Amino acid sequence: MVSARGVLDRLMELSEEKLPADALYALRKSDTNELHIFLDKKNDAGCTTNGTNSLCTKIPLARSPSSLFRCKTEAEARIECAKAGRSVCGGCVVKLYTTY
């Protein structure tokens, strides 16, 4: 079992990594049925995931085959994640809400 201190330390590590101000986000369902947030980017073909891991860095893209939304702004992603509720990974949410 993970200690409360261990969880707090991990959340602090996540908050130290800065995301671009104009970042776009995707919410994807992992093979564990948990929802994770990924960085997205727009291109000529539409949206593509920008990177290989979720914001919490625990889930690789290959383990998250289906998207609930794509290419949302930070504000839009926050609203959609709030609607999805507790099934969204807490580590990803912390990273999405971190301000500098």
C-alpha atoms as a PDB file:
ATOM      1  CA  MET A   1       0.000   0.000   0.000  1.00  0.00           C
ATOM      2  CA  VAL A   2       1.235   3.470  -0.851  1.00  0.00           C
ATOM      3  CA  SER A   3       1.624   5.910   2.015  1.00  0.00           C
ATOM      4  CA  ALA A   4      -0.010   9.328   2.031  1.00  0.00           C
ATOM      5  CA  ARG A   5       3.469  10.859   1.986  1.00  0.00           C
ATOM      6  CA  GLY A   6       4.334   8.817  -1.121  1.00  0.00           C
ATOM      7  CA  VAL A   7       1.222  10.072  -2.901  1.00  0.00           C
ATOM      8  CA  LEU A   8       1.987  13.663  -1.922  1.00  0.00           C
ATOM      9  CA  ASP A   9       5.586  13.331  -3.148  1.00  0.00           C
ATOM     10  CA  ARG A  10       4.377  11.958  -6.499  1.00  0.00           C
ATOM     11  CA  LEU A  11       1.862  14.791  -6.909  1.00  0.00           C
ATOM     12  CA  MET A  12       4.591  17.340  -6.212  1.00  0.00           C
ATOM     13  CA  GLU A  13       6.811  15.731  -8.875  1.00  0.00           C
ATOM     14  CA  LEU A  14       3.986  15.967 -11.397  1.00  0.00           C
ATOM     15  CA  SER A  15       3.333  19.610 -10.605  1.00  0.00           C
ATOM     16  CA  GLU A  16       6.935  20.570 -11.363  1.00  0.00           C
ATOM     17  CA  GLU A  17       6.651  19.698 -15.070  1.00  0.00           C
ATOM     18  CA  LYS A  18       5.282  22.696 -16.956  1.00  0.00           C
ATOM     19  CA  LEU A  19       2.742  22.288 -19.775  1.00  0.00           C
ATOM     20  CA  PRO A  20       2.581  24.746 -22.686  1.00  0.00           C
ATOM     21  CA  ALA A  21      -0.011  27.520 -22.266  1.00  0.00           C
ATOM     22  CA  ASP A  22      -1.619  26.660 -25.621  1.00  0.00           C
ATOM     23  CA  ALA A  23      -1.678  22.885 -25.024  1.00  0.00           C
ATOM     24  CA  LEU A  24      -4.568  20.774 -26.273  1.00  0.00           C
ATOM     25  CA  TYR A  25      -5.805  17.712 -24.439  1.00  0.00           C
ATOM     26  CA  ALA A  26      -7.426  14.326 -25.047  1.00  0.00           C
ATOM     27  CA  LEU A  27      -9.226  12.098 -22.560  1.00  0.00           C
ATOM     28  CA  ARG A  28      -8.645   8.421 -23.270  1.00  0.00           C
ATOM     29  CA  LYS A  29      -9.862   5.213 -21.637  1.00  0.00           C
ATOM     30  CA  SER A  30      -7.079   2.829 -20.629  1.00  0.00           C
ATOM     31  CA  ASP A  31      -7.180  -0.955 -20.622  1.00  0.00           C
ATOM     32  CA  THR A  32      -7.958  -0.717 -16.882  1.00  0.00           C
ATOM     33  CA  ASN A  33     -11.077   1.398 -17.669  1.00  0.00           C
ATOM     34  CA  GLU A  34      -9.546   4.397 -15.915  1.00  0.00           C
ATOM     35  CA  LEU A  35      -9.586   7.659 -17.869  1.00  0.00           C
ATOM     36  CA  HIS A  36      -6.274   9.403 -18.514  1.00  0.00           C
ATOM     37  CA  ILE A  37      -5.442  12.805 -19.996  1.00  0.00           C
ATOM     38  CA  PHE A  38      -2.965  13.054 -22.876  1.00  0.00           C
ATOM     39  CA  LEU A  39      -1.521  16.015 -24.739  1.00  0.00           C
ATOM     40  CA  ASP A  40      -2.978  16.440 -28.228  1.00  0.00           C
ATOM     41  CA  LYS A  41      -2.051  18.526 -31.233  1.00  0.00           C
ATOM     42  CA  LYS A  42      -3.862  19.589 -34.381  1.00  0.00           C
ATOM     43  CA  ASN A  43      -2.544  18.801 -37.821  1.00  0.00           C
ATOM     44  CA  ASP A  44      -3.932  18.660 -41.361  1.00  0.00           C
ATOM     45  CA  ALA A  45      -5.610  15.318 -40.680  1.00  0.00           C
ATOM     46  CA  GLY A  46      -7.288  16.508 -37.461  1.00  0.00           C
ATOM     47  CA  CYS A  47      -6.002  15.629 -34.003  1.00  0.00           C
ATOM     48  CA  THR A  48      -3.143  13.405 -32.992  1.00  0.00           C
ATOM     49  CA  THR A  49      -1.763  12.537 -29.584  1.00  0.00           C
ATOM     50  CA  ASN A  50       1.379  14.506 -28.824  1.00  0.00           C
ATOM     51  CA  GLY A  51       3.589  12.111 -26.898  1.00  0.00           C
ATOM     52  CA  THR A  52       3.512   8.542 -25.734  1.00  0.00           C
ATOM     53  CA  ASN A  53       2.318   8.778 -22.117  1.00  0.00           C
ATOM     54  CA  SER A  54      -0.545  10.265 -20.141  1.00  0.00           C
ATOM     55  CA  LEU A  55       0.012  13.424 -18.097  1.00  0.00           C
ATOM     56  CA  CYS A  56       0.590  11.272 -15.000  1.00  0.00           C
ATOM     57  CA  THR A  57       3.220   9.345 -17.047  1.00  0.00           C
ATOM     58  CA  LYS A  58       1.838   5.995 -15.821  1.00  0.00           C
ATOM     59  CA  ILE A  59      -0.158   4.925 -18.885  1.00  0.00           C
ATOM     60  CA  PRO A  60       1.346   4.639 -22.374  1.00  0.00           C
ATOM     61  CA  LEU A  61      -0.732   5.597 -25.388  1.00  0.00           C
ATOM     62  CA  ALA A  62      -0.775   1.954 -26.545  1.00  0.00           C
ATOM     63  CA  ARG A  63      -2.817   1.041 -23.439  1.00  0.00           C
ATOM     64  CA  SER A  64      -5.447   3.745 -24.126  1.00  0.00           C
ATOM     65  CA  PRO A  65      -7.111   2.892 -27.428  1.00  0.00           C
ATOM     66  CA  SER A  66     -10.345   4.887 -27.205  1.00  0.00           C
ATOM     67  CA  SER A  67     -10.864   8.649 -26.818  1.00  0.00           C
ATOM     68  CA  LEU A  68     -13.696  10.391 -25.045  1.00  0.00           C
ATOM     69  CA  PHE A  69     -12.597  13.769 -26.423  1.00  0.00           C
ATOM     70  CA  ARG A  70      -9.778  15.179 -28.534  1.00  0.00           C
ATOM     71  CA  CYS A  71      -8.084  18.568 -29.045  1.00  0.00           C
ATOM     72  CA  LYS A  72      -9.792  20.398 -26.180  1.00  0.00           C
ATOM     73  CA  THR A  73      -8.349  23.541 -24.639  1.00  0.00           C
ATOM     74  CA  GLU A  74      -7.390  23.506 -20.969  1.00  0.00           C
ATOM     75  CA  ALA A  75     -10.697  25.069 -19.937  1.00  0.00           C
ATOM     76  CA  GLU A  76     -12.726  22.662 -22.086  1.00  0.00           C
ATOM     77  CA  ALA A  77     -10.725  19.681 -20.793  1.00  0.00           C
ATOM     78  CA  ARG A  78     -11.330  20.722 -17.185  1.00  0.00           C
ATOM     79  CA  ILE A  79     -15.090  20.883 -17.778  1.00  0.00           C
ATOM     80  CA  GLU A  80     -15.201  17.519 -19.559  1.00  0.00           C
ATOM     81  CA  CYS A  81     -13.060  15.841 -16.892  1.00  0.00           C
ATOM     82  CA  ALA A  82     -15.321  17.228 -14.169  1.00  0.00           C
ATOM     83  CA  LYS A  83     -18.302  15.730 -15.981  1.00  0.00           C
ATOM     84  CA  ALA A  84     -16.534  12.357 -16.184  1.00  0.00           C
ATOM     85  CA  GLY A  85     -15.990  12.412 -12.427  1.00  0.00           C
ATOM     86  CA  ARG A  86     -13.849  10.087 -10.322  1.00  0.00           C
ATOM     87  CA  SER A  87     -12.984   7.722 -13.168  1.00  0.00           C
ATOM     88  CA  VAL A  88     -10.408  10.296 -14.361  1.00  0.00           C
ATOM     89  CA  CYS A  89      -6.904   9.599 -13.022  1.00  0.00           C
ATOM     90  CA  GLY A  90      -6.128  11.867 -10.067  1.00  0.00           C
ATOM     91  CA  GLY A  91      -2.508  12.325 -11.157  1.00  0.00           C
ATOM     92  CA  CYS A  92      -3.615  13.508 -14.589  1.00  0.00           C
ATOM     93  CA  VAL A  93      -6.124  15.928 -13.040  1.00  0.00           C
ATOM     94  CA  VAL A  94      -3.469  17.391 -10.732  1.00  0.00           C
ATOM     95  CA  LYS A  95      -1.226  17.985 -13.730  1.00  0.00           C
ATOM     96  CA  LEU A  96      -4.087  19.586 -15.696  1.00  0.00           C
ATOM     97  CA  TYR A  97      -4.898  21.956 -12.799  1.00  0.00           C
ATOM     98  CA  THR A  98      -1.332  22.907 -11.912  1.00  0.00           C
ATOM     99  CA  THR A  99      -0.743  26.639 -12.354  1.00  0.00           C
ATOM    100  CA  TYR A 100       2.551  28.486 -12.382  1.00  0.00           C
END
